[in-house]
Amino acid sequence: MSGGSVPAFPRAATWSPDGQHLVGQQAGMTLRDWFAGQALAGAMAQHGSYGIGNGPAEIAARMYEIADALLSARSEGGEK
C-alpha cells in the first residue's frame, strides 16, 4: 500500500444491537488528503491566501504538492 492510499482515521465496522448487521465501517480519508488539509490549515492560519496561489484551484494544487512531499519524506524514513 503506497503512502497516499493509507487511510487516516479509519473506523472498523461494529455489529448492530441485534447482532445481525455490520454497521459503521468507513475507510477514512487518505493520508495524502489529511496532509493536504493540514498544510492548508497551517497556510491559512499563517498567511491567509496571500502568496500561495491565485485562487482556490492553485491553492489546492499547492497543498497536494506539499502532501506529496511529506509522503515522499515519510517513505524515505523521515527527515535526516
N, C-alpha and C. Protein backbone atom coordinates (compact mmCIF):
# COMPACT_ATOMS: atom_id res chain seq x y z
N MET A 1 0.85 -1.17 0.00
CA MET A 1 0.00 0.00 0.00
C MET A 1 0.89 1.24 0.00
N SER A 2 0.69 2.14 -0.96
CA SER A 2 1.52 3.35 -1.01
C SER A 2 1.07 4.33 0.06
N GLY A 3 1.96 5.25 0.41
CA GLY A 3 1.66 6.22 1.45
C GLY A 3 0.41 7.03 1.18
N GLY A 4 0.15 7.34 -0.09
CA GLY A 4 -1.02 8.14 -0.43
C GLY A 4 -2.33 7.41 -0.24
N SER A 5 -2.29 6.10 -0.20
CA SER A 5 -3.55 5.36 -0.04
C SER A 5 -3.74 4.80 1.37
N VAL A 6 -2.84 5.13 2.27
CA VAL A 6 -3.00 4.72 3.66
C VAL A 6 -4.15 5.52 4.27
N PRO A 7 -5.15 4.88 4.85
CA PRO A 7 -6.26 5.64 5.39
C PRO A 7 -5.90 6.38 6.67
N ALA A 8 -6.44 7.57 6.81
CA ALA A 8 -6.34 8.33 8.06
C ALA A 8 -7.70 8.23 8.73
N PHE A 9 -7.72 7.88 9.97
CA PHE A 9 -8.94 7.78 10.77
C PHE A 9 -9.95 6.75 10.27
N PRO A 10 -9.50 5.54 9.92
CA PRO A 10 -10.48 4.53 9.53
C PRO A 10 -11.30 4.12 10.75
N ARG A 11 -12.49 3.64 10.49
CA ARG A 11 -13.34 3.17 11.58
C ARG A 11 -13.83 1.78 11.24
N ALA A 12 -13.53 0.86 12.10
CA ALA A 12 -13.93 -0.53 11.88
C ALA A 12 -15.44 -0.67 12.03
N ALA A 13 -15.97 -1.65 11.35
CA ALA A 13 -17.39 -1.94 11.45
C ALA A 13 -17.69 -2.53 12.83
N THR A 14 -18.88 -2.26 13.29
CA THR A 14 -19.36 -2.86 14.54
C THR A 14 -20.68 -3.56 14.24
N TRP A 15 -21.04 -4.48 15.10
CA TRP A 15 -22.30 -5.19 14.91
C TRP A 15 -23.46 -4.36 15.42
N SER A 16 -24.58 -4.44 14.71
CA SER A 16 -25.80 -3.77 15.15
C SER A 16 -26.24 -4.38 16.48
N PRO A 17 -27.07 -3.66 17.25
CA PRO A 17 -27.51 -4.20 18.55
C PRO A 17 -28.16 -5.58 18.47
N ASP A 18 -28.81 -5.88 17.34
CA ASP A 18 -29.43 -7.20 17.21
C ASP A 18 -28.44 -8.27 16.74
N GLY A 19 -27.19 -7.86 16.45
CA GLY A 19 -26.16 -8.80 16.05
C GLY A 19 -26.28 -9.33 14.63
N GLN A 20 -27.14 -8.71 13.84
CA GLN A 20 -27.41 -9.20 12.51
C GLN A 20 -26.65 -8.48 11.38
N HIS A 21 -26.18 -7.25 11.64
CA HIS A 21 -25.61 -6.45 10.57
C HIS A 21 -24.33 -5.74 11.03
N LEU A 22 -23.38 -5.65 10.12
CA LEU A 22 -22.21 -4.81 10.36
C LEU A 22 -22.58 -3.38 9.97
N VAL A 23 -22.27 -2.45 10.84
CA VAL A 23 -22.59 -1.04 10.57
C VAL A 23 -21.39 -0.15 10.86
N GLY A 24 -21.35 0.97 10.22
CA GLY A 24 -20.38 2.00 10.56
C GLY A 24 -19.00 1.86 9.98
N GLN A 25 -18.77 0.91 9.07
CA GLN A 25 -17.43 0.76 8.52
C GLN A 25 -17.14 1.91 7.58
N GLN A 26 -16.02 2.57 7.80
CA GLN A 26 -15.58 3.66 6.94
C GLN A 26 -14.08 3.53 6.72
N ALA A 27 -13.67 3.71 5.50
CA ALA A 27 -12.25 3.59 5.19
C ALA A 27 -11.46 4.79 5.70
N GLY A 28 -12.11 5.92 5.88
CA GLY A 28 -11.41 7.14 6.28
C GLY A 28 -10.82 7.83 5.06
N MET A 29 -10.33 9.04 5.27
CA MET A 29 -9.68 9.76 4.17
C MET A 29 -8.27 9.21 3.98
N THR A 30 -7.67 9.52 2.85
CA THR A 30 -6.31 9.06 2.64
C THR A 30 -5.35 9.92 3.47
N LEU A 31 -4.19 9.38 3.72
CA LEU A 31 -3.17 10.14 4.43
C LEU A 31 -2.77 11.36 3.62
N ARG A 32 -2.77 11.22 2.29
CA ARG A 32 -2.47 12.35 1.40
C ARG A 32 -3.48 13.48 1.61
N ASP A 33 -4.77 13.14 1.69
CA ASP A 33 -5.80 14.16 1.94
C ASP A 33 -5.60 14.81 3.30
N TRP A 34 -5.26 14.01 4.30
CA TRP A 34 -5.03 14.54 5.64
C TRP A 34 -3.86 15.52 5.63
N PHE A 35 -2.75 15.13 5.01
CA PHE A 35 -1.59 16.01 4.94
C PHE A 35 -1.94 17.30 4.20
N ALA A 36 -2.68 17.20 3.09
CA ALA A 36 -3.05 18.40 2.33
C ALA A 36 -3.93 19.32 3.17
N GLY A 37 -4.86 18.76 3.91
CA GLY A 37 -5.72 19.55 4.77
C GLY A 37 -4.95 20.24 5.88
N GLN A 38 -3.99 19.54 6.44
CA GLN A 38 -3.18 20.14 7.50
C GLN A 38 -2.30 21.26 6.94
N ALA A 39 -1.75 21.04 5.73
CA ALA A 39 -0.96 22.10 5.08
C ALA A 39 -1.83 23.32 4.81
N LEU A 40 -3.05 23.10 4.36
CA LEU A 40 -3.97 24.19 4.09
C LEU A 40 -4.31 24.96 5.36
N ALA A 41 -4.60 24.25 6.43
CA ALA A 41 -4.92 24.91 7.69
C ALA A 41 -3.76 25.77 8.18
N GLY A 42 -2.56 25.22 8.09
CA GLY A 42 -1.39 25.98 8.51
C GLY A 42 -1.15 27.20 7.64
N ALA A 43 -1.29 27.03 6.33
CA ALA A 43 -1.07 28.15 5.41
C ALA A 43 -2.10 29.25 5.63
N MET A 44 -3.35 28.87 5.82
CA MET A 44 -4.40 29.86 6.02
C MET A 44 -4.22 30.58 7.36
N ALA A 45 -3.81 29.86 8.37
CA ALA A 45 -3.59 30.48 9.68
C ALA A 45 -2.43 31.46 9.65
N GLN A 46 -1.42 31.14 8.86
CA GLN A 46 -0.22 31.98 8.81
C GLN A 46 -0.36 33.13 7.84
N HIS A 47 -0.91 32.87 6.65
CA HIS A 47 -0.86 33.86 5.58
C HIS A 47 -2.20 34.21 4.96
N GLY A 48 -3.28 33.56 5.34
CA GLY A 48 -4.49 33.71 4.54
C GLY A 48 -4.20 33.11 3.18
N SER A 49 -4.72 33.69 2.14
CA SER A 49 -4.45 33.15 0.80
C SER A 49 -3.31 33.88 0.11
N TYR A 50 -2.68 34.84 0.77
CA TYR A 50 -1.61 35.60 0.14
C TYR A 50 -0.36 34.75 -0.05
N GLY A 51 0.19 34.80 -1.25
CA GLY A 51 1.47 34.17 -1.53
C GLY A 51 1.42 32.68 -1.80
N ILE A 52 0.23 32.06 -1.80
CA ILE A 52 0.21 30.62 -2.05
C ILE A 52 -0.58 30.25 -3.29
N GLY A 53 -1.08 31.22 -4.02
CA GLY A 53 -1.79 30.93 -5.26
C GLY A 53 -2.71 32.06 -5.64
N ASN A 54 -3.24 31.96 -6.84
CA ASN A 54 -4.14 32.99 -7.33
C ASN A 54 -5.60 32.70 -7.05
N GLY A 55 -5.92 31.50 -6.72
CA GLY A 55 -7.31 31.13 -6.48
C GLY A 55 -7.40 29.76 -5.85
N PRO A 56 -8.60 29.31 -5.58
CA PRO A 56 -8.79 28.03 -4.89
C PRO A 56 -8.12 26.84 -5.59
N ALA A 57 -8.19 26.78 -6.91
CA ALA A 57 -7.58 25.63 -7.61
C ALA A 57 -6.07 25.63 -7.45
N GLU A 58 -5.45 26.79 -7.52
CA GLU A 58 -3.99 26.88 -7.35
C GLU A 58 -3.59 26.56 -5.91
N ILE A 59 -4.37 27.04 -4.96
CA ILE A 59 -4.09 26.76 -3.55
C ILE A 59 -4.21 25.26 -3.29
N ALA A 60 -5.27 24.64 -3.79
CA ALA A 60 -5.45 23.19 -3.59
C ALA A 60 -4.30 22.41 -4.21
N ALA A 61 -3.90 22.79 -5.42
CA ALA A 61 -2.80 22.09 -6.09
C ALA A 61 -1.53 22.20 -5.26
N ARG A 62 -1.25 23.37 -4.71
CA ARG A 62 -0.04 23.57 -3.90
C ARG A 62 -0.08 22.72 -2.64
N MET A 63 -1.24 22.62 -2.00
CA MET A 63 -1.36 21.83 -0.77
C MET A 63 -1.10 20.35 -1.05
N TYR A 64 -1.56 19.86 -2.22
CA TYR A 64 -1.29 18.47 -2.57
C TYR A 64 0.17 18.26 -2.95
N GLU A 65 0.83 19.27 -3.50
CA GLU A 65 2.28 19.18 -3.72
C GLU A 65 3.00 19.02 -2.38
N ILE A 66 2.58 19.77 -1.39
CA ILE A 66 3.17 19.66 -0.06
C ILE A 66 2.89 18.28 0.53
N ALA A 67 1.65 17.81 0.39
CA ALA A 67 1.29 16.48 0.89
C ALA A 67 2.15 15.40 0.23
N ASP A 68 2.35 15.52 -1.08
CA ASP A 68 3.18 14.53 -1.79
C ASP A 68 4.62 14.56 -1.28
N ALA A 69 5.13 15.75 -0.99
CA ALA A 69 6.49 15.85 -0.44
C ALA A 69 6.57 15.21 0.94
N LEU A 70 5.54 15.39 1.75
CA LEU A 70 5.51 14.76 3.07
C LEU A 70 5.48 13.24 2.95
N LEU A 71 4.67 12.74 2.03
CA LEU A 71 4.60 11.28 1.82
C LEU A 71 5.93 10.74 1.32
N SER A 72 6.59 11.47 0.45
CA SER A 72 7.91 11.05 -0.03
C SER A 72 8.92 10.98 1.11
N ALA A 73 8.94 12.02 1.93
CA ALA A 73 9.87 12.03 3.08
C ALA A 73 9.54 10.89 4.04
N ARG A 74 8.25 10.63 4.22
CA ARG A 74 7.83 9.55 5.11
C ARG A 74 8.31 8.20 4.60
N SER A 75 8.20 7.97 3.28
CA SER A 75 8.61 6.68 2.72
C SER A 75 10.12 6.49 2.77
N GLU A 76 10.87 7.60 2.87
CA GLU A 76 12.32 7.52 2.94
C GLU A 76 12.82 7.53 4.39
N GLY A 77 11.91 7.39 5.32
CA GLY A 77 12.30 7.31 6.73
C GLY A 77 12.29 8.63 7.44
N GLY A 78 11.68 9.64 6.86
CA GLY A 78 11.58 10.94 7.51
C GLY A 78 12.81 11.80 7.29
N GLU A 79 12.80 12.91 7.95
CA GLU A 79 13.91 13.86 7.82
C GLU A 79 15.17 13.31 8.48
N LYS A 80 16.30 13.57 7.88
CA LYS A 80 17.57 13.05 8.42
C LYS A 80 18.38 14.15 9.03
